[in-house]
Amino acid sequence: MTTHLKSRNASWSPKGTKSKNLFFSNPELVVFEDKAGQAFVVKDGVKKKSKLGLLKIIDKELKKGFYACGYLSYEYNQNNLRGPKYKAIFNIYKNKSTVPLTPSTIIKDKVKLKKITSDLSFISGVRKARRYIKEGDIYQINLSREFTLGKVENPYSLFLNYYKTQPVEYGAFFNFHDHSLISGSMELFIQKKGQKISTKPIKGTAPLDSVEDKNLNKNLKEISENLMIVDLMRNDLSQICKTGTVKTKKLFKKKSYSTLVQLESEIIGSLKKNITNEKIFELLMPPGSVTGTPKSRAKQIINEIEKHNRGPYCGAVGFFEPSGDFCFSVGIRVAIIENTTSRFFTGAGIVWDSKASKENAETILKSRALKESIK
């Protein structure tokens, strides 16, 4: 059961290192939280209930010098029994290593990406969301759709092909006992280094080398949506940071990838004294950029409109270091692969100015890199 964290610019790397690859193998144990919120520990094939919460268990293992690699689902701290099988799951490893070269032999599965959420269904959801915006319930919301790849025989090869097609800051592959997770994320949710914390929300998307690309950071609709999420993330960080330390470091930085261009902003802060990792994730989950604003009402509307569980999609994907520092991406461009089935997700941010057909096209654009990787 391996983990491979892969970045085009060493974004995953711990403080003081520059590796573009982090690799973990042979976990000491697995910890997970089921849909009812019960934590379990699995060691040597034996599963036991724990009286501790999942992040408290992880904290104990970090103090032993271990690493924890995995994800917290979008539904992590929500009371939703229709939710995914795992609200969170982590492999606990003794060591990490760097991978100097990507394996040269990559097997391509004969799979095709097919829509589970139809275009009509997604467009209907956008129109419903705009009615809520008109009524003043929300200002912005992120809606998602579901695809399938069918049966994937070689998940790790799929990950390597996917990353090769579109290198990103937060590529990730996790192999658990009953499923694998592939992430092609370019968005930082939260990173903790000592008492400093940072987030880099992304909002604003255009096809690469298009007219929209050239004008993206001047597009009022895209900029206003990005700014809404910056304000939301500033408010979220203010719950865990010392008063006056939350700052917007960058706004609307244009970042290019193989299939698209996106706008990234950055917010930083200094953590309150003695705040725990458990408290940080309790207050910040799910990520604001893939929920909406106001966050609490957006979550309710997402639950009403979407027919699927998000699971790790729109959750927090990453790892904890023994020091207690961590790095988690937003779980976007995510594929969940089980024995006979697989699911992939994309989404789009909706504001009053949104056109349903254009937002639908954006969700297709965000699937292009995966489609190209399986040709």
Foldseek 3Di string as FASTA:
>chain_A
DKKKKAAPFQLQPAPPDTFRIKIFDDFQWKWFAFLQQWIWIAGPNDIDTDPDGRVVVVLVLLLVFKKWFWWAWLCLQPNDSVADGTRIMTGIGNDMDGDPDDDPDADFDQWAKAFPQDLVLLLVLLVVVLVCQVVPLFFKFKAKGKIWRWADPDVVSLLVLLCVLKGAGTWMWDDDPFWIKTFRFRFWQWWDDPQKIKGKFWFWKDWPPDPCLVCGLVDPVRQVLQVQLVVVVLVLVVVFADPPFKDWPAWQDWDDINTMIIGITMIMGGGDPPDAPVNSCSSCHQPDNNQGPVRVSSVVSNVVSDPDHCTLQSTWGWMAGSVRTITTGGRAQMKMHGRGIIMGMHIHMHGNPDDSVVRSVVRVSSCVSSNVSND
